[in-house]
Protein backbone atom coordinates (compact mmCIF):
# COMPACT_ATOMS: atom_id res chain seq x y z
CA UNK A 1 -209.93 67.89 -75.05
CA UNK A 2 -213.20 69.34 -76.30
CA UNK A 3 -216.45 69.44 -74.32
CA UNK A 4 -217.96 66.27 -72.89
CA UNK A 5 -220.74 64.36 -74.64
CA UNK A 6 -223.57 65.93 -72.64
CA UNK A 7 -222.39 69.47 -73.34
CA UNK A 8 -221.90 68.59 -77.03
CA UNK A 9 -225.53 67.50 -77.28
CA UNK A 10 -226.80 70.69 -75.60
CA UNK A 11 -224.57 72.93 -77.71
CA UNK A 12 -225.58 71.13 -80.90
CA UNK A 13 -229.27 71.54 -80.06
CA UNK A 14 -228.73 75.25 -79.38
CA UNK A 15 -226.81 75.65 -82.66
CA UNK A 16 -229.56 73.80 -84.56
CA UNK A 17 -232.21 76.14 -83.16
CA UNK A 18 -230.23 79.24 -84.19
CA UNK A 19 -229.71 77.95 -87.72
CA UNK A 20 -233.34 76.92 -88.26
CA UNK A 21 -234.61 80.26 -86.93
CA UNK A 22 -232.39 82.33 -89.23
CA UNK A 23 -233.07 82.99 -92.90
CA UNK A 24 -229.85 84.82 -93.77
CA UNK A 25 -226.35 83.54 -94.51
CA UNK A 26 -224.38 85.90 -92.25
CA UNK A 27 -226.01 85.00 -88.90
CA UNK A 28 -225.75 81.31 -89.82
CA UNK A 29 -221.99 81.70 -90.25
CA UNK A 30 -221.75 83.47 -86.89
CA UNK A 31 -223.79 80.70 -85.25
CA UNK A 32 -221.37 78.10 -86.64
CA UNK A 33 -218.30 80.01 -85.42
CA UNK A 34 -219.86 80.45 -81.96
CA UNK A 35 -220.73 76.73 -81.84
CA UNK A 36 -217.20 75.72 -82.74
CA UNK A 37 -215.62 78.05 -80.19
CA UNK A 38 -217.84 76.72 -77.44
CA UNK A 39 -217.60 73.02 -78.30
CA UNK A 40 -213.77 73.22 -78.54
CA UNK A 41 -213.40 75.65 -75.63
CA UNK A 42 -210.72 73.54 -73.90
CA UNK A 43 -208.83 72.55 -77.04
CA UNK A 44 -206.16 75.15 -77.82
CA UNK A 45 -205.18 73.55 -81.13
CA UNK A 46 -208.77 73.53 -82.36
CA UNK A 47 -209.24 77.14 -81.29
CA UNK A 48 -206.22 78.13 -83.36
CA UNK A 49 -207.80 76.50 -86.40
CA UNK A 50 -211.08 78.29 -85.72
CA UNK A 51 -209.17 81.58 -85.76
CA UNK A 52 -207.63 80.56 -89.07
CA UNK A 53 -211.12 79.89 -90.41
CA UNK A 54 -212.06 83.48 -89.54
CA UNK A 55 -208.90 84.86 -91.11
CA UNK A 56 -209.54 82.76 -94.21
CA UNK A 57 -213.08 84.05 -94.69
CA UNK A 58 -213.70 85.63 -98.09
CA UNK A 59 -210.37 84.37 -99.44
CA UNK A 60 -209.60 86.05 -102.77
CA UNK A 61 -208.55 83.96 -105.75
CA UNK A 62 -207.66 85.58 -109.06
CA UNK A 63 -207.24 84.32 -112.62
CA UNK A 64 -209.62 81.40 -112.25
CA UNK A 65 -209.83 79.85 -115.75
CA UNK A 66 -213.34 79.29 -117.05
CA UNK A 67 -214.25 77.98 -120.48
CA UNK A 68 -213.51 81.18 -122.36
CA UNK A 69 -212.34 83.72 -119.78
CA UNK A 70 -210.60 84.36 -116.47
CA UNK A 71 -212.33 85.58 -113.34
CA UNK A 72 -211.63 86.39 -109.71
CA UNK A 73 -213.63 85.02 -106.82
CA UNK A 74 -213.91 84.78 -103.04
CA UNK A 75 -214.03 81.47 -101.23
CA UNK A 76 -216.28 81.85 -98.18
CA UNK A 77 -213.69 80.11 -96.01
CA UNK A 78 -210.28 78.77 -96.93
CA UNK A 79 -207.67 77.63 -94.42
CA UNK A 80 -205.07 74.90 -94.50
CA UNK A 81 -206.57 72.29 -96.83
CA UNK A 82 -210.25 73.22 -96.37
CA UNK A 83 -212.47 75.23 -98.72
CA UNK A 84 -216.02 75.85 -97.53
CA UNK A 85 -218.72 77.46 -99.65
CA UNK A 86 -221.50 78.62 -97.33
CA UNK A 87 -225.03 79.29 -98.58
CA UNK A 88 -228.25 80.34 -96.92
CA UNK A 89 -230.18 77.37 -98.29
CA UNK A 90 -228.49 74.55 -100.20
CA UNK A 91 -231.84 73.18 -101.35
CA UNK A 92 -232.05 76.22 -103.61
CA UNK A 93 -228.37 76.90 -104.36
CA UNK A 94 -226.45 73.61 -104.19
CA UNK A 95 -225.55 73.71 -107.89
CA UNK A 96 -224.21 77.23 -107.49
CA UNK A 97 -222.12 76.15 -104.49
CA UNK A 98 -220.69 73.24 -106.47
CA UNK A 99 -219.77 75.50 -109.39
CA UNK A 100 -218.03 77.90 -107.03
CA UNK A 101 -216.13 75.07 -105.35
CA UNK A 102 -214.89 74.03 -108.80
CA UNK A 103 -213.68 77.56 -109.45
CA UNK A 104 -211.89 77.84 -106.11
CA UNK A 105 -210.30 74.43 -106.59
CA UNK A 106 -208.96 75.37 -110.02
CA UNK A 107 -207.81 78.77 -108.79
CA UNK A 108 -205.76 77.13 -106.07
CA UNK A 109 -204.54 74.38 -108.36
CA UNK A 110 -203.32 76.84 -111.00
CA UNK A 111 -201.67 78.95 -108.33
CA UNK A 112 -199.95 76.09 -106.50
CA UNK A 113 -200.05 73.29 -109.09
CA UNK A 114 -201.23 71.17 -106.20
CA UNK A 115 -204.53 69.65 -105.16
CA UNK A 116 -204.74 69.53 -101.40
CA UNK A 117 -208.22 70.60 -100.40
CA UNK A 118 -211.37 69.20 -98.89
CA UNK A 119 -214.27 70.85 -100.70
CA UNK A 120 -217.35 71.45 -98.55
CA UNK A 121 -220.72 73.04 -99.29
CA UNK A 122 -222.91 73.89 -96.32
CA UNK A 123 -225.86 75.94 -95.14
CA UNK A 124 -225.24 75.04 -91.51
CA UNK A 125 -227.62 72.07 -91.53
CA UNK A 126 -226.76 70.31 -94.76
CA UNK A 127 -223.09 69.44 -95.33
CA UNK A 128 -221.71 67.95 -98.56
CA UNK A 129 -218.10 66.94 -99.11
CA UNK A 130 -216.71 66.71 -102.64
CA UNK A 131 -213.65 65.37 -104.37
CA UNK A 132 -212.60 65.97 -108.01
CA UNK A 133 -212.02 63.37 -110.68
CA UNK A 134 -208.17 63.39 -110.79
CA UNK A 135 -207.98 62.69 -114.53
CA UNK A 136 -209.01 66.30 -115.11
CA UNK A 137 -206.12 67.51 -112.98
CA UNK A 138 -203.44 65.62 -114.92
CA UNK A 139 -202.90 68.43 -117.38
CA UNK A 140 -200.01 70.40 -115.90
CA UNK A 141 -202.25 73.33 -114.97
CA UNK A 142 -204.16 73.58 -118.27
CA UNK A 143 -207.62 73.14 -116.87
CA UNK A 144 -210.85 75.14 -116.80
CA UNK A 145 -213.34 75.09 -113.94
CA UNK A 146 -216.13 74.17 -116.37
CA UNK A 147 -214.43 70.84 -117.07
CA UNK A 148 -213.91 69.77 -113.47
CA UNK A 149 -216.11 66.92 -112.29
CA UNK A 150 -216.83 66.82 -108.56
CA UNK A 151 -217.96 63.65 -106.85
CA UNK A 152 -219.91 63.70 -103.59
CA UNK A 153 -217.89 61.59 -101.15
CA UNK A 154 -219.73 62.25 -97.90
CA UNK A 155 -222.69 64.16 -96.53
CA UNK A 156 -224.38 64.97 -93.25
CA UNK A 157 -227.80 66.41 -92.45
CA UNK A 158 -228.16 67.93 -89.00
CA UNK A 159 -231.50 67.11 -87.40
CA UNK A 160 -232.62 66.04 -83.90
CA UNK A 161 -231.95 62.38 -84.64
CA UNK A 162 -228.34 63.11 -85.71
CA UNK A 163 -227.31 65.55 -82.94
CA UNK A 164 -224.97 62.96 -81.40
CA UNK A 165 -223.12 62.45 -84.68
CA UNK A 166 -222.59 66.08 -85.69
CA UNK A 167 -219.47 66.67 -83.58
CA UNK A 168 -217.70 63.66 -85.09
CA UNK A 169 -218.50 64.77 -88.65
CA UNK A 170 -217.22 68.30 -87.96
CA UNK A 171 -214.13 67.01 -86.18
CA UNK A 172 -213.29 64.62 -89.00
CA UNK A 173 -213.40 67.20 -91.79
CA UNK A 174 -212.56 70.53 -90.19
CA UNK A 175 -209.93 69.64 -87.60
CA UNK A 176 -208.34 66.18 -87.66
CA UNK A 177 -206.34 67.02 -84.53
CA UNK A 178 -206.25 63.77 -82.58
CA UNK A 179 -203.94 60.89 -83.46
CA UNK A 180 -205.88 58.46 -85.61
CA UNK A 181 -206.43 54.76 -85.12
CA UNK A 182 -205.45 52.59 -88.09
CA UNK A 183 -208.90 51.27 -88.91
CA UNK A 184 -209.80 50.27 -92.43
CA UNK A 185 -212.29 53.15 -92.62
CA UNK A 186 -209.77 55.77 -91.55
CA UNK A 187 -207.06 54.47 -93.88
CA UNK A 188 -209.51 54.47 -96.77
CA UNK A 189 -210.59 58.01 -95.91
CA UNK A 190 -207.00 59.25 -95.99
CA UNK A 191 -205.56 57.17 -98.86
CA UNK A 192 -208.50 56.00 -101.00
CA UNK A 193 -209.65 57.26 -104.39
CA UNK A 194 -211.35 60.40 -103.09
CA UNK A 195 -208.69 61.32 -100.53
CA UNK A 196 -206.52 64.41 -100.70
CA UNK A 197 -203.46 62.17 -100.50
CA UNK A 198 -204.40 60.07 -103.53
CA UNK A 199 -205.53 62.92 -105.77
CA UNK A 200 -202.54 65.09 -104.96
CA UNK A 201 -200.14 62.15 -105.43
CA UNK A 202 -201.62 60.81 -108.66
CA UNK A 203 -201.62 64.19 -110.40
CA UNK A 204 -198.00 64.77 -109.44
CA UNK A 205 -196.97 61.26 -110.48
CA UNK A 206 -198.59 61.86 -113.86
CA UNK A 207 -196.75 65.12 -114.32
CA UNK A 208 -193.38 63.47 -113.64
CA UNK A 209 -194.09 60.28 -115.59
CA UNK A 210 -195.05 62.10 -118.79
CA UNK A 211 -191.48 63.40 -118.97
CA UNK A 212 -190.12 59.83 -118.74
CA UNK A 213 -192.28 58.08 -121.34
CA UNK A 214 -189.54 58.14 -123.99
CA UNK A 215 -187.00 56.54 -121.65
CA UNK A 216 -186.40 52.97 -122.96
CA UNK A 217 -186.05 51.54 -119.44
CA UNK A 218 -189.36 53.06 -118.40
CA UNK A 219 -190.94 51.78 -121.61
CA UNK A 220 -189.99 48.17 -120.86
CA UNK A 221 -191.31 48.47 -117.30
CA UNK A 222 -194.66 49.67 -118.62
CA UNK A 223 -194.70 47.02 -121.38
CA UNK A 224 -194.08 44.16 -118.95
CA UNK A 225 -196.65 45.49 -116.48
CA UNK A 226 -199.13 45.58 -119.36
CA UNK A 227 -198.08 42.10 -120.52
CA UNK A 228 -198.60 40.45 -117.13
CA UNK A 229 -202.04 41.97 -116.73
CA UNK A 230 -202.96 41.10 -120.33
CA UNK A 231 -202.10 37.46 -119.61
CA UNK A 232 -204.18 37.65 -116.45
CA UNK A 233 -207.26 39.29 -117.96
CA UNK A 234 -207.15 37.89 -121.48
CA UNK A 235 -208.17 41.33 -122.70
CA UNK A 236 -206.78 44.32 -120.89
CA UNK A 237 -207.26 47.95 -121.87
CA UNK A 238 -204.61 49.32 -119.58
CA UNK A 239 -203.68 52.97 -119.29
CA UNK A 240 -200.99 55.13 -117.80
CA UNK A 241 -203.55 56.23 -115.23
CA UNK A 242 -203.98 52.63 -114.03
CA UNK A 243 -200.23 52.08 -114.02
CA UNK A 244 -199.76 55.18 -111.86
CA UNK A 245 -202.51 54.08 -109.48
CA UNK A 246 -200.65 50.78 -109.06
CA UNK A 247 -197.44 52.74 -108.56
CA UNK A 248 -199.11 54.85 -105.86
CA UNK A 249 -200.37 51.75 -104.05
CA UNK A 250 -196.95 50.12 -104.23
CA UNK A 251 -195.33 53.24 -102.77
CA UNK A 252 -198.00 53.55 -100.08
CA UNK A 253 -197.54 49.92 -99.01
CA UNK A 254 -193.75 50.33 -98.65
CA UNK A 255 -194.03 53.52 -96.62
CA UNK A 256 -196.79 51.97 -94.50
CA UNK A 257 -194.68 48.89 -93.79
CA UNK A 258 -191.70 50.97 -92.68
CA UNK A 259 -193.89 53.18 -90.48
CA UNK A 260 -195.47 50.20 -88.74
CA UNK A 261 -192.18 48.32 -88.27
CA UNK A 262 -190.21 51.28 -86.92
CA UNK A 263 -192.89 53.66 -85.59
CA UNK A 264 -190.62 56.40 -86.95
CA UNK A 265 -192.03 59.87 -86.23
CA UNK A 266 -190.20 61.47 -89.16
CA UNK A 267 -188.87 59.85 -92.33
CA UNK A 268 -185.89 61.84 -93.60
CA UNK A 269 -184.48 61.90 -97.14
CA UNK A 270 -181.94 59.13 -96.58
CA UNK A 271 -184.61 56.89 -95.08
CA UNK A 272 -186.89 57.62 -98.04
CA UNK A 273 -184.20 56.51 -100.46
CA UNK A 274 -183.58 53.39 -98.39
CA UNK A 275 -187.28 52.55 -98.42
CA UNK A 276 -187.51 52.96 -102.18
CA UNK A 277 -184.43 50.91 -103.03
CA UNK A 278 -184.96 48.38 -100.24
CA UNK A 279 -181.63 48.81 -98.44
CA UNK A 280 -183.31 49.99 -95.26
CA UNK A 281 -185.36 46.76 -95.13
CA UNK A 282 -182.24 44.69 -95.80
CA UNK A 283 -180.69 46.26 -92.69
CA UNK A 284 -183.81 45.18 -90.79
CA UNK A 285 -183.18 41.61 -92.04
CA UNK A 286 -186.20 41.69 -94.38
CA UNK A 287 -184.90 40.53 -97.74
CA UNK A 288 -186.69 40.90 -101.07
CA UNK A 289 -189.45 43.16 -99.70
CA UNK A 290 -188.43 45.81 -102.22
CA UNK A 291 -187.19 44.62 -105.60
CA UNK A 292 -186.61 46.14 -109.01
CA UNK A 293 -190.21 45.43 -109.89
CA UNK A 294 -192.57 47.35 -112.16
CA UNK A 295 -192.63 50.34 -109.83
CA UNK A 296 -188.94 50.77 -108.98
CA UNK A 297 -188.73 53.88 -111.20
CA UNK A 298 -189.88 55.94 -108.19
CA UNK A 299 -186.46 55.50 -106.61
CA UNK A 300 -184.42 56.48 -109.65
CA UNK A 301 -182.01 59.30 -108.88
CA UNK A 302 -183.20 61.49 -111.76
CA UNK A 303 -186.80 61.63 -110.48
CA UNK A 304 -186.33 61.53 -106.71
CA UNK A 305 -186.31 65.30 -106.17
CA UNK A 306 -189.29 65.79 -108.47
CA UNK A 307 -191.30 63.24 -106.50
CA UNK A 308 -190.55 64.58 -103.03
CA UNK A 309 -194.01 66.25 -102.78
CA UNK A 310 -195.61 62.82 -103.29
CA UNK A 311 -193.39 61.17 -100.69
CA UNK A 312 -194.09 63.92 -98.16
CA UNK A 313 -197.85 63.90 -98.80
CA UNK A 314 -198.04 60.20 -97.93
CA UNK A 315 -195.55 60.20 -95.03
CA UNK A 316 -197.11 63.24 -93.36
CA UNK A 317 -200.56 61.67 -93.51
CA UNK A 318 -199.21 58.36 -92.18
CA UNK A 319 -197.60 60.34 -89.36
CA UNK A 320 -201.05 61.13 -87.95
CA UNK A 321 -201.60 57.47 -87.07
CA UNK A 322 -200.63 55.35 -84.12
CA UNK A 323 -199.78 51.94 -85.57
CA UNK A 324 -199.07 50.20 -82.28
CA UNK A 325 -202.12 47.97 -82.61
CA UNK A 326 -203.36 47.13 -86.14
CA UNK A 327 -206.34 44.79 -85.91
CA UNK A 328 -207.64 44.87 -89.49
CA UNK A 329 -206.38 44.11 -92.99
CA UNK A 330 -206.08 47.82 -93.67
CA UNK A 331 -204.40 47.38 -97.04
CA UNK A 332 -207.20 45.32 -98.54
CA UNK A 333 -209.70 48.15 -98.36
CA UNK A 334 -207.46 50.61 -100.18
CA UNK A 335 -206.48 47.95 -102.73
CA UNK A 336 -210.11 47.16 -103.51
CA UNK A 337 -211.00 50.81 -103.64
CA UNK A 338 -208.32 51.77 -106.15
CA UNK A 339 -208.32 48.70 -108.40
CA UNK A 340 -211.29 49.11 -110.72
CA UNK A 341 -214.08 46.72 -109.74
CA UNK A 342 -214.79 45.62 -113.34
CA UNK A 343 -211.10 44.86 -113.85
CA UNK A 344 -210.98 42.84 -110.64
CA UNK A 345 -214.07 40.88 -111.65
CA UNK A 346 -212.46 39.97 -114.99
CA UNK A 347 -209.52 38.51 -113.09
CA UNK A 348 -211.77 36.70 -110.64
CA UNK A 349 -210.63 38.88 -107.74
CA UNK A 350 -213.45 38.56 -105.22
CA UNK A 351 -212.20 39.30 -101.76
CA UNK A 352 -213.02 37.06 -98.84
CA UNK A 353 -213.94 38.93 -95.64
CA UNK A 354 -211.37 38.69 -92.85
CA UNK A 355 -213.71 36.77 -90.55
CA UNK A 356 -214.35 34.14 -93.23
CA UNK A 357 -210.61 33.77 -93.97
CA UNK A 358 -210.04 33.13 -90.27
CA UNK A 359 -212.93 30.64 -90.11
CA UNK A 360 -211.68 28.67 -93.14
CA UNK A 361 -208.10 28.51 -91.85
CA UNK A 362 -209.33 26.98 -88.59
CA UNK A 363 -210.87 24.10 -90.54
CA UNK A 364 -207.44 22.85 -91.62
CA UNK A 365 -205.04 20.78 -89.59
CA UNK A 366 -202.12 23.21 -89.81
CA UNK A 367 -199.08 22.06 -87.89
CA UNK A 368 -196.07 24.06 -86.78
CA UNK A 369 -194.02 23.02 -89.83
CA UNK A 370 -196.88 22.91 -92.35
CA UNK A 371 -196.37 24.79 -95.60
CA UNK A 372 -199.41 26.85 -96.52
CA UNK A 373 -199.83 28.07 -100.12
CA UNK A 374 -202.38 30.53 -101.47
CA UNK A 375 -202.03 30.24 -105.28
CA UNK A 376 -204.07 33.40 -105.91
CA UNK A 377 -203.26 35.44 -102.84
CA UNK A 378 -204.55 38.87 -103.90
CA UNK A 379 -203.86 41.29 -101.06
CA UNK A 380 -202.81 38.43 -98.76
CA UNK A 381 -205.91 38.01 -96.58
CA UNK A 382 -205.60 34.21 -96.27
CA UNK A 383 -201.87 34.50 -95.59
CA UNK A 384 -202.62 37.00 -92.85
CA UNK A 385 -205.29 34.74 -91.32
CA UNK A 386 -202.88 31.77 -91.40
CA UNK A 387 -200.15 33.71 -89.64
CA UNK A 388 -202.60 34.88 -86.98
CA UNK A 389 -203.83 31.32 -86.47
CA UNK A 390 -200.30 29.90 -86.15
CA UNK A 391 -199.16 32.66 -83.78
CA UNK A 392 -202.10 31.88 -81.51
CA UNK A 393 -201.68 28.10 -81.71
CA UNK A 394 -197.88 28.10 -81.34
CA UNK A 395 -197.15 31.13 -79.20
CA UNK A 396 -193.40 30.60 -79.27
CA UNK A 397 -193.23 30.28 -83.07
CA UNK A 398 -190.71 32.64 -84.62
CA UNK A 399 -191.07 34.90 -87.62
CA UNK A 400 -188.20 32.98 -89.21
CA UNK A 401 -190.27 29.78 -88.98
CA UNK A 402 -193.39 31.44 -90.36
CA UNK A 403 -191.55 33.05 -93.27
CA UNK A 404 -190.31 29.64 -94.41
CA UNK A 405 -193.78 28.11 -94.56
CA UNK A 406 -196.15 30.85 -95.75
CA UNK A 407 -196.24 31.09 -99.55
CA UNK A 408 -198.32 33.22 -101.92
CA UNK A 409 -198.56 33.51 -105.69
CA UNK A 410 -200.44 36.02 -107.82
CA UNK A 411 -200.45 37.09 -111.46
CA UNK A 412 -201.26 40.72 -110.57
CA UNK A 413 -197.96 42.67 -110.32
CA UNK A 414 -199.31 44.93 -107.60
CA UNK A 415 -200.72 42.07 -105.51
CA UNK A 416 -197.23 40.72 -104.95
CA UNK A 417 -196.11 43.93 -103.23
CA UNK A 418 -199.37 44.32 -101.30
CA UNK A 419 -199.22 40.72 -100.07
CA UNK A 420 -195.62 41.12 -98.93
CA UNK A 421 -196.69 44.16 -96.94
CA UNK A 422 -199.62 42.23 -95.47
CA UNK A 423 -197.18 39.54 -94.33
CA UNK A 424 -195.04 42.10 -92.52
CA UNK A 425 -198.07 43.64 -90.84
CA UNK A 426 -199.22 40.18 -89.75
CA UNK A 427 -195.78 39.32 -88.32
CA UNK A 428 -196.19 42.37 -86.08
CA UNK A 429 -193.74 44.33 -83.96
CA UNK A 430 -191.35 41.37 -83.63
CA UNK A 431 -190.15 42.11 -87.16
CA UNK A 432 -187.97 44.90 -85.79
CA UNK A 433 -186.20 42.33 -83.57
CA UNK A 434 -185.15 39.93 -86.33
CA UNK A 435 -181.62 38.56 -85.82
CA UNK A 436 -181.40 36.59 -89.06
CA UNK A 437 -182.71 37.48 -92.54
CA UNK A 438 -186.16 36.38 -93.65
CA UNK A 439 -187.36 35.94 -97.21
CA UNK A 440 -190.94 36.91 -98.09
CA UNK A 441 -192.17 34.03 -100.22
CA UNK A 442 -194.71 35.81 -102.44
CA UNK A 443 -194.16 35.34 -106.16
CA UNK A 444 -195.36 36.85 -109.40
CA UNK A 445 -196.66 34.06 -111.65
CA UNK A 446 -199.73 32.53 -113.25
CA UNK A 447 -200.60 29.32 -111.43
CA UNK A 448 -203.16 28.27 -114.04
CA UNK A 449 -201.15 28.68 -117.24
CA UNK A 450 -197.56 27.79 -118.09
CA UNK A 451 -195.44 30.71 -119.31
CA UNK A 452 -195.54 31.83 -122.94
CA UNK A 453 -193.33 29.67 -125.18
CA UNK A 454 -193.34 27.30 -122.24
CA UNK A 455 -191.77 23.98 -121.53
CA UNK A 456 -191.09 21.23 -124.03
CA UNK A 457 -192.07 18.24 -121.92
CA UNK A 458 -190.12 15.74 -124.02
CA UNK A 459 -186.82 17.57 -124.18
CA UNK A 460 -186.97 19.44 -120.82
CA UNK A 461 -186.37 22.74 -122.55
CA UNK A 462 -187.74 26.12 -121.66
CA UNK A 463 -188.35 28.91 -124.16
CA UNK A 464 -187.45 31.93 -122.07
CA UNK A 465 -188.42 35.42 -123.27
CA UNK A 466 -186.16 38.33 -122.35
CA UNK A 467 -187.32 41.60 -123.85
CA UNK A 468 -189.37 39.77 -126.51
CA UNK A 469 -186.42 37.62 -127.64
CA UNK A 470 -186.63 33.82 -127.07
CA UNK A 471 -183.76 31.90 -125.45
CA UNK A 472 -183.92 28.11 -125.32
CA UNK A 473 -182.59 26.81 -122.01
CA UNK A 474 -182.67 23.60 -120.00
CA UNK A 475 -185.29 23.42 -117.23
CA UNK A 476 -182.54 21.95 -115.02
CA UNK A 477 -181.34 25.48 -114.24
CA UNK A 478 -184.38 25.80 -111.95
CA UNK A 479 -183.57 22.67 -109.94
CA UNK A 480 -181.27 24.45 -107.49
CA UNK A 481 -182.66 27.80 -106.35
CA UNK A 482 -179.48 28.87 -104.59
CA UNK A 483 -177.41 28.18 -107.69
CA UNK A 484 -179.92 30.00 -109.89
CA UNK A 485 -179.92 33.08 -107.66
CA UNK A 486 -176.11 33.18 -107.53
CA UNK A 487 -175.76 32.65 -111.27
CA UNK A 488 -178.39 35.30 -112.04
CA UNK A 489 -176.43 37.86 -110.02
CA UNK A 490 -173.25 36.91 -111.89
CA UNK A 491 -175.05 37.23 -115.24
CA UNK A 492 -176.34 40.66 -114.24
CA UNK A 493 -172.87 41.89 -113.20
CA UNK A 494 -171.08 40.51 -116.26
CA UNK A 495 -173.76 41.86 -118.59
CA UNK A 496 -173.24 45.32 -117.09
CA UNK A 497 -169.43 45.02 -117.30
CA UNK A 498 -169.49 43.90 -120.95
CA UNK A 499 -172.27 46.22 -122.07
CA UNK A 500 -171.47 47.86 -125.42
CA UNK A 501 -168.52 45.48 -125.83
CA UNK A 502 -167.94 41.93 -127.01
CA UNK A 503 -169.72 39.06 -125.29
CA UNK A 504 -167.66 37.29 -122.68
CA UNK A 505 -167.12 33.65 -123.54
CA UNK A 506 -168.82 30.74 -121.83
CA UNK A 507 -165.64 29.78 -119.97
CA UNK A 508 -165.43 33.17 -118.22
CA UNK A 509 -169.06 32.90 -117.14
CA UNK A 510 -168.54 29.33 -115.91
CA UNK A 511 -165.47 30.27 -113.86
CA UNK A 512 -167.28 33.25 -112.34
CA UNK A 513 -170.33 31.20 -111.34
CA UNK A 514 -168.18 28.39 -109.93
CA UNK A 515 -166.20 30.88 -107.88
CA UNK A 516 -169.28 32.64 -106.46
CA UNK A 517 -171.24 29.46 -105.85
CA UNK A 518 -168.29 27.47 -104.53
CA UNK A 519 -168.71 24.42 -106.75
CA UNK A 520 -167.20 23.04 -109.94
CA UNK A 521 -169.59 20.23 -110.83
CA UNK A 522 -172.24 22.29 -112.62
CA UNK A 523 -173.23 20.58 -115.87
CA UNK A 524 -172.47 22.08 -119.27
CA UNK A 525 -176.19 22.04 -120.10
CA UNK A 526 -177.02 24.20 -117.10
CA UNK A 527 -174.10 26.53 -117.81
CA UNK A 528 -175.29 26.98 -121.39
CA UNK A 529 -178.67 28.04 -120.01
CA UNK A 530 -177.07 30.68 -117.82
CA UNK A 531 -175.02 31.85 -120.78
CA UNK A 532 -178.24 32.42 -122.74
CA UNK A 533 -179.62 34.45 -119.82
CA UNK A 534 -176.41 36.49 -119.72
CA UNK A 535 -176.77 37.33 -123.42
CA UNK A 536 -180.43 38.26 -123.04
CA UNK A 537 -179.76 40.63 -120.13
CA UNK A 538 -176.75 42.15 -121.95
CA UNK A 539 -178.81 42.94 -125.06
CA UNK A 540 -181.56 44.46 -122.90
CA UNK A 541 -179.00 46.63 -121.12
CA UNK A 542 -177.45 47.75 -124.40
CA UNK A 543 -180.89 48.85 -125.56
CA UNK A 544 -181.48 50.61 -122.22
CA UNK A 545 -184.40 48.26 -121.67
CA UNK A 546 -183.19 46.52 -118.53
CA UNK A 547 -184.23 47.01 -114.92
CA UNK A 548 -187.10 44.55 -114.72
CA UNK A 549 -185.66 41.31 -116.12
CA UNK A 550 -183.83 40.14 -113.02
CA UNK A 551 -187.03 40.54 -110.99
CA UNK A 552 -189.07 38.54 -113.52
CA UNK A 553 -186.47 35.75 -113.74
CA UNK A 554 -186.12 35.51 -109.96
CA UNK A 555 -189.87 35.08 -109.52
CA UNK A 556 -189.92 32.44 -112.25
CA UNK A 557 -187.15 30.45 -110.57
CA UNK A 558 -188.47 30.81 -107.03
CA UNK A 559 -191.86 29.55 -108.10
CA UNK A 560 -190.29 26.39 -109.48
CA UNK A 561 -188.55 25.70 -106.16
């Protein structure tokens, strides 16, 4: 533990007097070091970091690329993931400090091909924290300091009225020793758009993804992600950068869910693979949490090793938190922060505060067996409020009961994953005690518009698109969800088995579905529909453009249930 509050105030006042009475940089630095040593006198871990700060003073960086030359430079202090540029008076030299921080950032980035630094400018009284625009770091090391854009993400001015707050600012940015509480503010600080975790992850994701762009399977994933958002927005100028931000959020939500459910101190490689492909959640009796959705490429064998730095960056940061008691919708803040506000407004995504969600839910007469649907669930705030309400009203209600009656739909591909995670967080620690499987009933669909090609109301036919090719099928195939799910799995398996060969005939498909489903009274019209689906998936596989179609078809069928 550091000093008590009274001592902190006295030490801060003494430090303030030393800084204001000095007009040179060197004694100001010594005053800061003395202040830190005294305020953390009983904290051995903090004292070790203070020693590292001293060792890291005047840290040499060479071959820093500028616009038309290379240079060497000294960072005033560099240790762990902190770079501090100290000046005598930031009122006169803030722009110089910012320029030097850019140079040190690029020097480290070129050397390590990794952004993992908090950038701080200070004169002892004035403290400014900066973060770079990550788009300028997505260039595989080809970057000049002149082109870096730094954004001020936090600041603190030490004066008599802020003495009480100074310790907490210093502790937050220079030490981060204590286990953190999972508040929305802390999660946003560590995983939001200006966080080390996000910037480091997004630049690495971009580097890996650019080597996959010509892969047909990856192309169809990106195309369908773009298509769903284009339907949602009407006009959508999507980019790879946005797609990767969605990918990052999807990954973060899965790792967060596993951490909260299991409270695992260390996620090893096998667990990582299980999280990405969903098998580890299946073993926990949580079905369909992870699917072959638009972001499943992260778990592909050929990219797993390349993406380990991203996985470790997120898991190590999550490891700082104690998730025993999560009282806020911590995902919503990160979701709002990383999904562009103009884009969200175009979709009509205006987020209701948690307290208002809870107030509205209380106005309804929700019984123990009531089914509650949010047709535009976003990050799942209303679903979360409903679960909380029902758990309080029916204290013996089981997660199995809740999972049957809480339903969400959203057109945003990322919202589906975020909402599923929100459901798990709302279910709480009892999730780890599940004895029977639960199904998370959150679906990807547009509740305002029928699908493209759509339904012929007079003939009960559905024009189904699989990889841009239309297949006319009977809407009766959606009448029995269990049959559809079984038949879809059979179609997927047979399409894989017959890939690059002749189509199997309808009789083989019919026999296979009858055997798996355990019935023989399925109509010829329905079977013909499944045969069309089989052919569509087979063609997509043969063109290496599969991977996403089963997920899309499952959501379509589940919505019709």
